[in-house]
Amino acid sequence: QVQLVESGGGLVQAGGSLRLSCAASGRTFSSYTMGWFRQAPGKEREFVVGKSWSAGRTYSADSVKGRFTISRDNTKNTVYLQMNSLNPEDTAVYYCAGSFTTGSPSTVPGEYPYWGQGTQVTVSS
């Protein structure tokens, strides 16, 4: 059974930074695809950034390019989302998602069968 557990969310002022963590258990995603999504109140879940380590490809939403970075620590089977220059529009519940597919990371939530429980990120102005 694959489990993903996010942590690291919280309240931060505009312009600040946060690093979210997604710890995986049950199976390693080190050779596959991990994505980060977010969902603000009243809005649909949207893609933020994803990386396919098997394909060596990273894709980021335009709204976060240059500010958010995805990385991993294989020794901890953990994926990170480093978020810099945060603004109030980044406020949302953030989810990590995993897929054992290869190729370019998908931006479609339905393409990821494994999800964490989400962590709240609130950016104050």
PDB file of N, CA and C in Angstrom:
ATOM      1  N   GLN A   1       0.840  -1.181   0.000  1.00  0.00           N
ATOM      2  CA  GLN A   1       0.000   0.000   0.000  1.00  0.00           C
ATOM      3  C   GLN A   1       0.884   1.243   0.000  1.00  0.00           C
ATOM      4  N   VAL A   2       0.692   2.101  -0.974  1.00  0.00           N
ATOM      5  CA  VAL A   2       1.467   3.329  -1.086  1.00  0.00           C
ATOM      6  C   VAL A   2       0.802   4.419  -0.272  1.00  0.00           C
ATOM      7  N   GLN A   3       1.603   5.115   0.509  1.00  0.00           N
ATOM      8  CA  GLN A   3       1.101   6.257   1.272  1.00  0.00           C
ATOM      9  C   GLN A   3       1.997   7.460   1.047  1.00  0.00           C
ATOM     10  N   LEU A   4       1.360   8.619   0.916  1.00  0.00           N
ATOM     11  CA  LEU A   4       2.070   9.886   0.784  1.00  0.00           C
ATOM     12  C   LEU A   4       1.605  10.787   1.913  1.00  0.00           C
ATOM     13  N   VAL A   5       2.555  11.395   2.600  1.00  0.00           N
ATOM     14  CA  VAL A   5       2.226  12.258   3.731  1.00  0.00           C
ATOM     15  C   VAL A   5       2.942  13.585   3.551  1.00  0.00           C
ATOM     16  N   GLU A   6       2.158  14.664   3.421  1.00  0.00           N
ATOM     17  CA  GLU A   6       2.746  15.993   3.282  1.00  0.00           C
ATOM     18  C   GLU A   6       2.944  16.639   4.651  1.00  0.00           C
ATOM     19  N   SER A   7       3.892  17.553   4.676  1.00  0.00           N
ATOM     20  CA  SER A   7       4.112  18.381   5.857  1.00  0.00           C
ATOM     21  C   SER A   7       4.799  19.655   5.420  1.00  0.00           C
ATOM     22  N   GLY A   8       4.859  20.614   6.339  1.00  0.00           N
ATOM     23  CA  GLY A   8       5.594  21.842   6.055  1.00  0.00           C
ATOM     24  C   GLY A   8       4.746  23.051   5.743  1.00  0.00           C
ATOM     25  N   GLY A   9       3.456  22.882   5.675  1.00  0.00           N
ATOM     26  CA  GLY A   9       2.604  24.027   5.403  1.00  0.00           C
ATOM     27  C   GLY A   9       2.540  24.965   6.601  1.00  0.00           C
ATOM     28  N   GLY A  10       1.936  26.120   6.386  1.00  0.00           N
ATOM     29  CA  GLY A  10       1.806  27.075   7.476  1.00  0.00           C
ATOM     30  C   GLY A  10       1.450  28.445   6.971  1.00  0.00           C
ATOM     31  N   LEU A  11       1.621  29.420   7.855  1.00  0.00           N
ATOM     32  CA  LEU A  11       1.325  30.810   7.549  1.00  0.00           C
ATOM     33  C   LEU A  11       2.636  31.553   7.306  1.00  0.00           C
ATOM     34  N   VAL A  12       2.691  32.285   6.211  1.00  0.00           N
ATOM     35  CA  VAL A  12       3.901  33.040   5.874  1.00  0.00           C
ATOM     36  C   VAL A  12       3.489  34.377   5.272  1.00  0.00           C
ATOM     37  N   GLN A  13       4.330  35.370   5.459  1.00  0.00           N
ATOM     38  CA  GLN A  13       4.052  36.683   4.876  1.00  0.00           C
ATOM     39  C   GLN A  13       4.430  36.698   3.404  1.00  0.00           C
ATOM     40  N   ALA A  14       3.790  37.576   2.665  1.00  0.00           N
ATOM     41  CA  ALA A  14       4.109  37.724   1.252  1.00  0.00           C
ATOM     42  C   ALA A  14       5.597  38.010   1.086  1.00  0.00           C
ATOM     43  N   GLY A  15       6.178  37.353   0.105  1.00  0.00           N
ATOM     44  CA  GLY A  15       7.607  37.477  -0.132  1.00  0.00           C
ATOM     45  C   GLY A  15       8.437  36.424   0.569  1.00  0.00           C
ATOM     46  N   GLY A  16       7.817  35.681   1.461  1.00  0.00           N
ATOM     47  CA  GLY A  16       8.524  34.665   2.221  1.00  0.00           C
ATOM     48  C   GLY A  16       8.624  33.342   1.491  1.00  0.00           C
ATOM     49  N   SER A  17       9.166  32.353   2.196  1.00  0.00           N
ATOM     50  CA  SER A  17       9.404  31.027   1.613  1.00  0.00           C
ATOM     51  C   SER A  17       8.896  29.933   2.537  1.00  0.00           C
ATOM     52  N   LEU A  18       8.568  28.815   1.932  1.00  0.00           N
ATOM     53  CA  LEU A  18       8.208  27.597   2.660  1.00  0.00           C
ATOM     54  C   LEU A  18       8.743  26.415   1.879  1.00  0.00           C
ATOM     55  N   ARG A  19       9.022  25.344   2.591  1.00  0.00           N
ATOM     56  CA  ARG A  19       9.378  24.095   1.927  1.00  0.00           C
ATOM     57  C   ARG A  19       8.420  23.021   2.390  1.00  0.00           C
ATOM     58  N   LEU A  20       7.708  22.451   1.450  1.00  0.00           N
ATOM     59  CA  LEU A  20       6.806  21.349   1.735  1.00  0.00           C
ATOM     60  C   LEU A  20       7.526  20.027   1.510  1.00  0.00           C
ATOM     61  N   SER A  21       7.169  19.053   2.306  1.00  0.00           N
ATOM     62  CA  SER A  21       7.738  17.718   2.179  1.00  0.00           C
ATOM     63  C   SER A  21       6.630  16.715   1.885  1.00  0.00           C
ATOM     64  N   CYS A  22       6.989  15.689   1.163  1.00  0.00           N
ATOM     65  CA  CYS A  22       6.054  14.603   0.847  1.00  0.00           C
ATOM     66  C   CYS A  22       6.815  13.299   1.048  1.00  0.00           C
ATOM     67  N   ALA A  23       6.516  12.624   2.138  1.00  0.00           N
ATOM     68  CA  ALA A  23       7.191  11.376   2.452  1.00  0.00           C
ATOM     69  C   ALA A  23       6.383  10.208   1.918  1.00  0.00           C
ATOM     70  N   ALA A  24       7.050   9.351   1.180  1.00  0.00           N
ATOM     71  CA  ALA A  24       6.387   8.200   0.571  1.00  0.00           C
ATOM     72  C   ALA A  24       6.764   6.938   1.319  1.00  0.00           C
ATOM     73  N   SER A  25       5.798   6.063   1.465  1.00  0.00           N
ATOM     74  CA  SER A  25       6.060   4.744   2.052  1.00  0.00           C
ATOM     75  C   SER A  25       5.338   3.694   1.230  1.00  0.00           C
ATOM     76  N   GLY A  26       5.832   2.504   1.312  1.00  0.00           N
ATOM     77  CA  GLY A  26       5.210   1.410   0.588  1.00  0.00           C
ATOM     78  C   GLY A  26       5.858   1.124  -0.745  1.00  0.00           C
ATOM     79  N   ARG A  27       6.415   2.164  -1.364  1.00  0.00           N
ATOM     80  CA  ARG A  27       7.092   1.987  -2.632  1.00  0.00           C
ATOM     81  C   ARG A  27       7.834   3.275  -2.917  1.00  0.00           C
ATOM     82  N   THR A  28       8.940   3.158  -3.627  1.00  0.00           N
ATOM     83  CA  THR A  28       9.709   4.345  -3.936  1.00  0.00           C
ATOM     84  C   THR A  28       9.294   4.937  -5.273  1.00  0.00           C
ATOM     85  N   PHE A  29       9.243   6.255  -5.313  1.00  0.00           N
ATOM     86  CA  PHE A  29       8.915   6.946  -6.555  1.00  0.00           C
ATOM     87  C   PHE A  29      10.169   7.507  -7.217  1.00  0.00           C
ATOM     88  N   SER A  30      11.320   7.095  -6.748  1.00  0.00           N
ATOM     89  CA  SER A  30      12.549   7.737  -7.190  1.00  0.00           C
ATOM     90  C   SER A  30      12.765   7.627  -8.697  1.00  0.00           C
ATOM     91  N   SER A  31      12.202   6.607  -9.321  1.00  0.00           N
ATOM     92  CA  SER A  31      12.394   6.453 -10.762  1.00  0.00           C
ATOM     93  C   SER A  31      11.155   6.829 -11.551  1.00  0.00           C
ATOM     94  N   TYR A  32      10.179   7.414 -10.924  1.00  0.00           N
ATOM     95  CA  TYR A  32       8.930   7.679 -11.609  1.00  0.00           C
ATOM     96  C   TYR A  32       8.558   9.146 -11.529  1.00  0.00           C
ATOM     97  N   THR A  33       7.293   9.444 -11.345  1.00  0.00           N
ATOM     98  CA  THR A  33       6.804  10.813 -11.460  1.00  0.00           C
ATOM     99  C   THR A  33       6.115  11.266 -10.185  1.00  0.00           C
ATOM    100  N   MET A  34       6.472  12.456  -9.750  1.00  0.00           N
ATOM    101  CA  MET A  34       5.796  13.072  -8.623  1.00  0.00           C
ATOM    102  C   MET A  34       5.317  14.451  -9.040  1.00  0.00           C
ATOM    103  N   GLY A  35       4.169  14.816  -8.541  1.00  0.00           N
ATOM    104  CA  GLY A  35       3.626  16.132  -8.847  1.00  0.00           C
ATOM    105  C   GLY A  35       3.104  16.807  -7.598  1.00  0.00           C
ATOM    106  N   TRP A  36       3.069  18.121  -7.670  1.00  0.00           N
ATOM    107  CA  TRP A  36       2.441  18.924  -6.626  1.00  0.00           C
ATOM    108  C   TRP A  36       1.258  19.657  -7.249  1.00  0.00           C
ATOM    109  N   PHE A  37       0.146  19.629  -6.543  1.00  0.00           N
ATOM    110  CA  PHE A  37      -1.066  20.322  -6.957  1.00  0.00           C
ATOM    111  C   PHE A  37      -1.527  21.199  -5.802  1.00  0.00           C
ATOM    112  N   ARG A  38      -2.432  22.107  -6.100  1.00  0.00           N
ATOM    113  CA  ARG A  38      -2.997  22.927  -5.035  1.00  0.00           C
ATOM    114  C   ARG A  38      -4.459  23.210  -5.331  1.00  0.00           C
ATOM    115  N   GLN A  39      -5.187  23.482  -4.272  1.00  0.00           N
ATOM    116  CA  GLN A  39      -6.604  23.780  -4.413  1.00  0.00           C
ATOM    117  C   GLN A  39      -6.979  24.883  -3.444  1.00  0.00           C
ATOM    118  N   ALA A  40      -7.412  25.996  -4.007  1.00  0.00           N
ATOM    119  CA  ALA A  40      -7.887  27.112  -3.204  1.00  0.00           C
ATOM    120  C   ALA A  40      -9.387  26.984  -3.005  1.00  0.00           C
ATOM    121  N   PRO A  41      -9.942  27.619  -1.971  1.00  0.00           N
ATOM    122  CA  PRO A  41     -11.386  27.519  -1.718  1.00  0.00           C
ATOM    123  C   PRO A  41     -12.200  27.946  -2.931  1.00  0.00           C
ATOM    124  N   GLY A  42     -13.152  27.099  -3.303  1.00  0.00           N
ATOM    125  CA  GLY A  42     -14.036  27.418  -4.410  1.00  0.00           C
ATOM    126  C   GLY A  42     -13.427  27.235  -5.781  1.00  0.00           C
ATOM    127  N   LYS A  43     -12.212  26.717  -5.839  1.00  0.00           N
ATOM    128  CA  LYS A  43     -11.543  26.520  -7.126  1.00  0.00           C
ATOM    129  C   LYS A  43     -11.214  25.058  -7.341  1.00  0.00           C
ATOM    130  N   GLU A  44     -10.958  24.716  -8.586  1.00  0.00           N
ATOM    131  CA  GLU A  44     -10.568  23.359  -8.912  1.00  0.00           C
ATOM    132  C   GLU A  44      -9.104  23.122  -8.529  1.00  0.00           C
ATOM    133  N   ARG A  45      -8.779  21.858  -8.345  1.00  0.00           N
ATOM    134  CA  ARG A  45      -7.394  21.505  -8.056  1.00  0.00           C
ATOM    135  C   ARG A  45      -6.556  21.795  -9.295  1.00  0.00           C
ATOM    136  N   GLU A  46      -5.436  22.462  -9.095  1.00  0.00           N
ATOM    137  CA  GLU A  46      -4.608  22.834 -10.225  1.00  0.00           C
ATOM    138  C   GLU A  46      -3.181  22.320 -10.062  1.00  0.00           C
ATOM    139  N   PHE A  47      -2.583  22.037 -11.204  1.00  0.00           N
ATOM    140  CA  PHE A  47      -1.210  21.566 -11.244  1.00  0.00           C
ATOM    141  C   PHE A  47      -0.253  22.694 -10.880  1.00  0.00           C
ATOM    142  N   VAL A  48       0.771  22.358 -10.114  1.00  0.00           N
ATOM    143  CA  VAL A  48       1.794  23.341  -9.741  1.00  0.00           C
ATOM    144  C   VAL A  48       3.128  23.010 -10.400  1.00  0.00           C
ATOM    145  N   VAL A  49       3.671  21.860 -10.065  1.00  0.00           N
ATOM    146  CA  VAL A  49       4.948  21.441 -10.650  1.00  0.00           C
ATOM    147  C   VAL A  49       5.037  19.931 -10.572  1.00  0.00           C
ATOM    148  N   GLY A  50       5.697  19.344 -11.556  1.00  0.00           N
ATOM    149  CA  GLY A  50       5.868  17.902 -11.570  1.00  0.00           C
ATOM    150  C   GLY A  50       7.198  17.520 -12.171  1.00  0.00           C
ATOM    151  N   LYS A  51       7.679  16.388 -11.784  1.00  0.00           N
ATOM    152  CA  LYS A  51       8.959  15.917 -12.314  1.00  0.00           C
ATOM    153  C   LYS A  51       8.899  14.425 -12.551  1.00  0.00           C
ATOM    154  N   SER A  52       9.379  14.041 -13.720  1.00  0.00           N
ATOM    155  CA  SER A  52       9.559  12.636 -14.045  1.00  0.00           C
ATOM    156  C   SER A  52      11.042  12.345 -13.980  1.00  0.00           C
ATOM    157  N   TRP A  53      11.448  11.612 -12.952  1.00  0.00           N
ATOM    158  CA  TRP A  53      12.866  11.334 -12.821  1.00  0.00           C
ATOM    159  C   TRP A  53      13.332  10.317 -13.850  1.00  0.00           C
ATOM    160  N   SER A  54      12.469   9.463 -14.285  1.00  0.00           N
ATOM    161  CA  SER A  54      12.849   8.486 -15.309  1.00  0.00           C
ATOM    162  C   SER A  54      13.107   9.176 -16.636  1.00  0.00           C
ATOM    163  N   ALA A  55      12.343  10.208 -16.932  1.00  0.00           N
ATOM    164  CA  ALA A  55      12.504  10.928 -18.194  1.00  0.00           C
ATOM    165  C   ALA A  55      13.394  12.149 -18.047  1.00  0.00           C
ATOM    166  N   GLY A  56      13.697  12.522 -16.817  1.00  0.00           N
ATOM    167  CA  GLY A  56      14.515  13.707 -16.588  1.00  0.00           C
ATOM    168  C   GLY A  56      13.819  14.996 -16.979  1.00  0.00           C
ATOM    169  N   ARG A  57      12.500  15.038 -16.808  1.00  0.00           N
ATOM    170  CA  ARG A  57      11.736  16.206 -17.245  1.00  0.00           C
ATOM    171  C   ARG A  57      10.990  16.833 -16.082  1.00  0.00           C
ATOM    172  N   THR A  58      11.000  18.145 -16.063  1.00  0.00           N
ATOM    173  CA  THR A  58      10.273  18.929 -15.075  1.00  0.00           C
ATOM    174  C   THR A  58       9.341  19.879 -15.792  1.00  0.00           C
ATOM    175  N   TYR A  59       8.148  20.039 -15.267  1.00  0.00           N
ATOM    176  CA  TYR A  59       7.192  20.968 -15.842  1.00  0.00           C
ATOM    177  C   TYR A  59       6.551  21.766 -14.715  1.00  0.00           C
ATOM    178  N   SER A  60       6.507  23.063 -14.901  1.00  0.00           N
ATOM    179  CA  SER A  60       5.928  23.957 -13.888  1.00  0.00           C
ATOM    180  C   SER A  60       4.823  24.801 -14.499  1.00  0.00           C
ATOM    181  N   ALA A  61       3.830  25.084 -13.692  1.00  0.00           N
ATOM    182  CA  ALA A  61       2.782  26.012 -14.114  1.00  0.00           C
ATOM    183  C   ALA A  61       3.387  27.406 -14.289  1.00  0.00           C
ATOM    184  N   ASP A  62       2.873  28.163 -15.220  1.00  0.00           N
ATOM    185  CA  ASP A  62       3.413  29.497 -15.486  1.00  0.00           C
ATOM    186  C   ASP A  62       3.392  30.373 -14.235  1.00  0.00           C
ATOM    187  N   SER A  63       2.377  30.179 -13.414  1.00  0.00           N
ATOM    188  CA  SER A  63       2.213  31.029 -12.236  1.00  0.00           C
ATOM    189  C   SER A  63       3.306  30.836 -11.192  1.00  0.00           C
ATOM    190  N   VAL A  64       4.046  29.728 -11.273  1.00  0.00           N
ATOM    191  CA  VAL A  64       5.066  29.457 -10.259  1.00  0.00           C
ATOM    192  C   VAL A  64       6.471  29.337 -10.838  1.00  0.00           C
ATOM    193  N   LYS A  65       6.609  29.465 -12.134  1.00  0.00           N
ATOM    194  CA  LYS A  65       7.930  29.334 -12.755  1.00  0.00           C
ATOM    195  C   LYS A  65       8.898  30.348 -12.180  1.00  0.00           C
ATOM    196  N   GLY A  66      10.092  29.847 -11.861  1.00  0.00           N
ATOM    197  CA  GLY A  66      11.106  30.712 -11.279  1.00  0.00           C
ATOM    198  C   GLY A  66      10.959  30.905  -9.781  1.00  0.00           C
ATOM    199  N   ARG A  67       9.861  30.432  -9.212  1.00  0.00           N
ATOM    200  CA  ARG A  67       9.647  30.595  -7.760  1.00  0.00           C
ATOM    201  C   ARG A  67       9.586  29.267  -7.027  1.00  0.00           C
ATOM    202  N   PHE A  68       9.012  28.236  -7.646  1.00  0.00           N
ATOM    203  CA  PHE A  68       8.828  26.940  -6.999  1.00  0.00           C
ATOM    204  C   PHE A  68       9.758  25.908  -7.644  1.00  0.00           C
ATOM    205  N   THR A  69      10.325  25.044  -6.809  1.00  0.00           N
ATOM    206  CA  THR A  69      11.245  24.022  -7.289  1.00  0.00           C
ATOM    207  C   THR A  69      10.923  22.689  -6.635  1.00  0.00           C
ATOM    208  N   ILE A  70      10.916  21.637  -7.429  1.00  0.00           N
ATOM    209  CA  ILE A  70      10.698  20.292  -6.902  1.00  0.00           C
ATOM    210  C   ILE A  70      12.041  19.565  -6.825  1.00  0.00           C
ATOM    211  N   SER A  71      12.218  18.817  -5.746  1.00  0.00           N
ATOM    212  CA  SER A  71      13.451  18.050  -5.572  1.00  0.00           C
ATOM    213  C   SER A  71      13.137  16.807  -4.756  1.00  0.00           C
ATOM    214  N   ARG A  72      14.144  15.967  -4.566  1.00  0.00           N
ATOM    215  CA  ARG A  72      13.905  14.741  -3.802  1.00  0.00           C
ATOM    216  C   ARG A  72      15.143  14.357  -3.008  1.00  0.00           C
ATOM    217  N   ASP A  73      14.907  13.574  -1.981  1.00  0.00           N
ATOM    218  CA  ASP A  73      15.969  12.935  -1.210  1.00  0.00           C
ATOM    219  C   ASP A  73      15.675  11.449  -1.231  1.00  0.00           C
ATOM    220  N   ASN A  74      16.412  10.703  -2.037  1.00  0.00           N
ATOM    221  CA  ASN A  74      16.145   9.273  -2.175  1.00  0.00           C
ATOM    222  C   ASN A  74      16.379   8.517  -0.882  1.00  0.00           C
ATOM    223  N   THR A  75      17.316   8.984  -0.077  1.00  0.00           N
ATOM    224  CA  THR A  75      17.599   8.270   1.170  1.00  0.00           C
ATOM    225  C   THR A  75      16.410   8.325   2.120  1.00  0.00           C
ATOM    226  N   LYS A  76      15.578   9.352   1.960  1.00  0.00           N
ATOM    227  CA  LYS A  76      14.404   9.508   2.814  1.00  0.00           C
ATOM    228  C   LYS A  76      13.111   9.193   2.069  1.00  0.00           C
ATOM    229  N   ASN A  77      13.231   8.857   0.790  1.00  0.00           N
ATOM    230  CA  ASN A  77      12.054   8.620  -0.054  1.00  0.00           C
ATOM    231  C   ASN A  77      11.075   9.789   0.084  1.00  0.00           C
ATOM    232  N   THR A  78      11.621  10.974   0.000  1.00  0.00           N
ATOM    233  CA  THR A  78      10.861  12.197   0.228  1.00  0.00           C
ATOM    234  C   THR A  78      11.062  13.165  -0.927  1.00  0.00           C
ATOM    235  N   VAL A  79       9.979  13.785  -1.336  1.00  0.00           N
ATOM    236  CA  VAL A  79      10.001  14.817  -2.369  1.00  0.00           C
ATOM    237  C   VAL A  79       9.662  16.152  -1.713  1.00  0.00           C
ATOM    238  N   TYR A  80      10.304  17.204  -2.203  1.00  0.00           N
ATOM    239  CA  TYR A  80      10.127  18.522  -1.616  1.00  0.00           C
ATOM    240  C   TYR A  80       9.583  19.507  -2.642  1.00  0.00           C
ATOM    241  N   LEU A  81       8.890  20.491  -2.137  1.00  0.00           N
ATOM    242  CA  LEU A  81       8.483  21.637  -2.949  1.00  0.00           C
ATOM    243  C   LEU A  81       8.991  22.884  -2.245  1.00  0.00           C
ATOM    244  N   GLN A  82      10.024  23.477  -2.827  1.00  0.00           N
ATOM    245  CA  GLN A  82      10.554  24.719  -2.293  1.00  0.00           C
ATOM    246  C   GLN A  82       9.793  25.872  -2.930  1.00  0.00           C
ATOM    247  N   MET A  83       9.185  26.702  -2.106  1.00  0.00           N
ATOM    248  CA  MET A  83       8.370  27.809  -2.599  1.00  0.00           C
ATOM    249  C   MET A  83       8.970  29.126  -2.121  1.00  0.00           C
ATOM    250  N   ASN A  84       9.373  29.940  -3.054  1.00  0.00           N
ATOM    251  CA  ASN A  84       9.960  31.237  -2.752  1.00  0.00           C
ATOM    252  C   ASN A  84       9.085  32.361  -3.301  1.00  0.00           C
ATOM    253  N   SER A  85       9.317  33.560  -2.800  1.00  0.00           N
ATOM    254  CA  SER A  85       8.582  34.749  -3.257  1.00  0.00           C
ATOM    255  C   SER A  85       7.082  34.502  -3.260  1.00  0.00           C
ATOM    256  N   LEU A  86       6.601  33.973  -2.162  1.00  0.00           N
ATOM    257  CA  LEU A  86       5.182  33.640  -2.067  1.00  0.00           C
ATOM    258  C   LEU A  86       4.322  34.895  -2.072  1.00  0.00           C
ATOM    259  N   ASN A  87       3.149  34.773  -2.654  1.00  0.00           N
ATOM    260  CA  ASN A  87       2.185  35.870  -2.654  1.00  0.00           C
ATOM    261  C   ASN A  87       0.814  35.324  -2.240  1.00  0.00           C
ATOM    262  N   PRO A  88      -0.105  36.201  -1.883  1.00  0.00           N
ATOM    263  CA  PRO A  88      -1.416  35.726  -1.386  1.00  0.00           C
ATOM    264  C   PRO A  88      -2.144  34.798  -2.356  1.00  0.00           C
ATOM    265  N   GLU A  89      -1.877  34.927  -3.652  1.00  0.00           N
ATOM    266  CA  GLU A  89      -2.528  34.057  -4.631  1.00  0.00           C
ATOM    267  C   GLU A  89      -2.041  32.613  -4.534  1.00  0.00           C
ATOM    268  N   ASP A  90      -0.972  32.392  -3.801  1.00  0.00           N
ATOM    269  CA  ASP A  90      -0.468  31.025  -3.600  1.00  0.00           C
ATOM    270  C   ASP A  90      -1.170  30.314  -2.454  1.00  0.00           C
ATOM    271  N   THR A  91      -2.040  31.001  -1.752  1.00  0.00           N
ATOM    272  CA  THR A  91      -2.770  30.401  -0.639  1.00  0.00           C
ATOM    273  C   THR A  91      -3.663  29.278  -1.142  1.00  0.00           C
ATOM    274  N   ALA A  92      -3.500  28.091  -0.558  1.00  0.00           N
ATOM    275  CA  ALA A  92      -4.253  26.917  -0.993  1.00  0.00           C
ATOM    276  C   ALA A  92      -3.858  25.730  -0.122  1.00  0.00           C
ATOM    277  N   VAL A  93      -4.586  24.643  -0.291  1.00  0.00           N
ATOM    278  CA  VAL A  93      -4.143  23.362   0.246  1.00  0.00           C
ATOM    279  C   VAL A  93      -3.278  22.718  -0.836  1.00  0.00           C
ATOM    280  N   TYR A  94      -2.097  22.307  -0.448  1.00  0.00           N
ATOM    281  CA  TYR A  94      -1.151  21.723  -1.384  1.00  0.00           C
ATOM    282  C   TYR A  94      -1.113  20.209  -1.201  1.00  0.00           C
ATOM    283  N   TYR A  95      -1.131  19.517  -2.335  1.00  0.00           N
ATOM    284  CA  TYR A  95      -1.134  18.058  -2.341  1.00  0.00           C
ATOM    285  C   TYR A  95       0.044  17.535  -3.158  1.00  0.00           C
ATOM    286  N   CYS A  96       0.667  16.478  -2.666  1.00  0.00           N
ATOM    287  CA  CYS A  96       1.611  15.771  -3.517  1.00  0.00           C
ATOM    288  C   CYS A  96       0.901  14.552  -4.100  1.00  0.00           C
ATOM    289  N   ALA A  97       1.362  14.161  -5.260  1.00  0.00           N
ATOM    290  CA  ALA A  97       0.750  13.048  -5.973  1.00  0.00           C
ATOM    291  C   ALA A  97       1.827  12.233  -6.661  1.00  0.00           C
ATOM    292  N   GLY A  98       1.607  10.927  -6.751  1.00  0.00           N
ATOM    293  CA  GLY A  98       2.595  10.058  -7.347  1.00  0.00           C
ATOM    294  C   GLY A  98       2.009   9.177  -8.429  1.00  0.00           C
ATOM    295  N   SER A  99       2.869   8.899  -9.381  1.00  0.00           N
ATOM    296  CA  SER A  99       2.465   8.030 -10.493  1.00  0.00           C
ATOM    297  C   SER A  99       3.658   7.173 -10.886  1.00  0.00           C
ATOM    298  N   PHE A 100       3.386   5.925 -11.240  1.00  0.00           N
ATOM    299  CA  PHE A 100       4.451   5.043 -11.680  1.00  0.00           C
ATOM    300  C   PHE A 100       4.583   5.022 -13.194  1.00  0.00           C
ATOM    301  N   THR A 101       4.011   6.010 -13.845  1.00  0.00           N
ATOM    302  CA  THR A 101       4.191   6.135 -15.283  1.00  0.00           C
ATOM    303  C   THR A 101       5.509   6.833 -15.569  1.00  0.00           C
ATOM    304  N   THR A 102       5.973   6.673 -16.781  1.00  0.00           N
ATOM    305  CA  THR A 102       7.193   7.341 -17.220  1.00  0.00           C
ATOM    306  C   THR A 102       6.828   8.366 -18.280  1.00  0.00           C
ATOM    307  N   GLY A 103       7.797   9.141 -18.697  1.00  0.00           N
ATOM    308  CA  GLY A 103       7.522  10.184 -19.669  1.00  0.00           C
ATOM    309  C   GLY A 103       7.348  11.523 -18.997  1.00  0.00           C
ATOM    310  N   SER A 104       6.870  12.492 -19.702  1.00  0.00           N
ATOM    311  CA  SER A 104       6.699  13.831 -19.151  1.00  0.00           C
ATOM    312  C   SER A 104       5.658  13.828 -18.037  1.00  0.00           C
ATOM    313  N   PRO A 105       5.864  14.645 -16.999  1.00  0.00           N
ATOM    314  CA  PRO A 105       4.891  14.680 -15.905  1.00  0.00           C
ATOM    315  C   PRO A 105       3.559  15.234 -16.378  1.00  0.00           C
ATOM    316  N   SER A 106       2.495  14.576 -15.994  1.00  0.00           N
ATOM    317  CA  SER A 106       1.167  15.017 -16.392  1.00  0.00           C
ATOM    318  C   SER A 106       0.695  16.172 -15.514  1.00  0.00           C
ATOM    319  N   THR A 107      -0.114  17.045 -16.095  1.00  0.00           N
ATOM    320  CA  THR A 107      -0.721  18.144 -15.344  1.00  0.00           C
ATOM    321  C   THR A 107      -2.146  17.816 -14.928  1.00  0.00           C
ATOM    322  N   VAL A 108      -2.601  16.628 -15.249  1.00  0.00           N
ATOM    323  CA  VAL A 108      -3.985  16.219 -14.993  1.00  0.00           C
ATOM    324  C   VAL A 108      -4.056  15.425 -13.695  1.00  0.00           C
ATOM    325  N   PRO A 109      -4.837  15.887 -12.737  1.00  0.00           N
ATOM    326  CA  PRO A 109      -4.922  15.171 -11.455  1.00  0.00           C
ATOM    327  C   PRO A 109      -5.306  13.697 -11.611  1.00  0.00           C
ATOM    328  N   GLY A 110      -6.185  13.394 -12.536  1.00  0.00           N
ATOM    329  CA  GLY A 110      -6.643  12.022 -12.721  1.00  0.00           C
ATOM    330  C   GLY A 110      -5.572  11.056 -13.174  1.00  0.00           C
ATOM    331  N   GLU A 111      -4.429  11.586 -13.620  1.00  0.00           N
ATOM    332  CA  GLU A 111      -3.329  10.722 -14.066  1.00  0.00           C
ATOM    333  C   GLU A 111      -2.475  10.238 -12.906  1.00  0.00           C
ATOM    334  N   TYR A 112      -2.766  10.726 -11.708  1.00  0.00           N
ATOM    335  CA  TYR A 112      -1.988  10.345 -10.528  1.00  0.00           C
ATOM    336  C   TYR A 112      -2.866   9.498  -9.601  1.00  0.00           C
ATOM    337  N   PRO A 113      -2.529   8.250  -9.407  1.00  0.00           N
ATOM    338  CA  PRO A 113      -3.358   7.394  -8.553  1.00  0.00           C
ATOM    339  C   PRO A 113      -3.106   7.538  -7.058  1.00  0.00           C
ATOM    340  N   TYR A 114      -1.981   8.149  -6.693  1.00  0.00           N
ATOM    341  CA  TYR A 114      -1.628   8.234  -5.275  1.00  0.00           C
ATOM    342  C   TYR A 114      -1.562   9.690  -4.835  1.00  0.00           C
ATOM    343  N   TRP A 115      -2.196   9.967  -3.689  1.00  0.00           N
ATOM    344  CA  TRP A 115      -2.301  11.339  -3.195  1.00  0.00           C
ATOM    345  C   TRP A 115      -2.049  11.407  -1.697  1.00  0.00           C
ATOM    346  N   GLY A 116      -1.462  12.504  -1.285  1.00  0.00           N
ATOM    347  CA  GLY A 116      -1.359  12.783   0.133  1.00  0.00           C
ATOM    348  C   GLY A 116      -2.625  13.446   0.636  1.00  0.00           C
ATOM    349  N   GLN A 117      -2.634  13.749   1.922  1.00  0.00           N
ATOM    350  CA  GLN A 117      -3.825  14.311   2.560  1.00  0.00           C
ATOM    351  C   GLN A 117      -3.921  15.819   2.397  1.00  0.00           C
ATOM    352  N   GLY A 118      -2.830  16.452   2.004  1.00  0.00           N
ATOM    353  CA  GLY A 118      -2.828  17.894   1.802  1.00  0.00           C
ATOM    354  C   GLY A 118      -2.283  18.637   3.004  1.00  0.00           C
ATOM    355  N   THR A 119      -1.691  19.792   2.729  1.00  0.00           N
ATOM    356  CA  THR A 119      -1.186  20.667   3.781  1.00  0.00           C
ATOM    357  C   THR A 119      -1.531  22.104   3.407  1.00  0.00           C
ATOM    358  N   GLN A 120      -1.999  22.865   4.388  1.00  0.00           N
ATOM    359  CA  GLN A 120      -2.469  24.222   4.130  1.00  0.00           C
ATOM    360  C   GLN A 120      -1.302  25.197   4.072  1.00  0.00           C
ATOM    361  N   VAL A 121      -1.306  26.019   3.048  1.00  0.00           N
ATOM    362  CA  VAL A 121      -0.358  27.125   2.920  1.00  0.00           C
ATOM    363  C   VAL A 121      -1.163  28.416   2.850  1.00  0.00           C
ATOM    364  N   THR A 122      -0.880  29.326   3.760  1.00  0.00           N
ATOM    365  CA  THR A 122      -1.559  30.607   3.792  1.00  0.00           C
ATOM    366  C   THR A 122      -0.525  31.723   3.713  1.00  0.00           C
ATOM    367  N   VAL A 123      -0.699  32.588   2.733  1.00  0.00           N
ATOM    368  CA  VAL A 123       0.225  33.699   2.539  1.00  0.00           C
ATOM    369  C   VAL A 123      -0.523  34.989   2.842  1.00  0.00           C
ATOM    370  N   SER A 124      -0.037  35.719   3.813  1.00  0.00           N
ATOM    371  CA  SER A 124      -0.683  36.969   4.198  1.00  0.00           C
ATOM    372  C   SER A 124      -0.040  38.147   3.468  1.00  0.00           C
ATOM    373  N   SER A 125      -0.848  39.140   3.196  1.00  0.00           N
ATOM    374  CA  SER A 125      -0.344  40.316   2.465  1.00  0.00           C
ATOM    375  C   SER A 125       0.217  41.365   3.404  1.00  0.00           C
TER     376      SER A 125
END
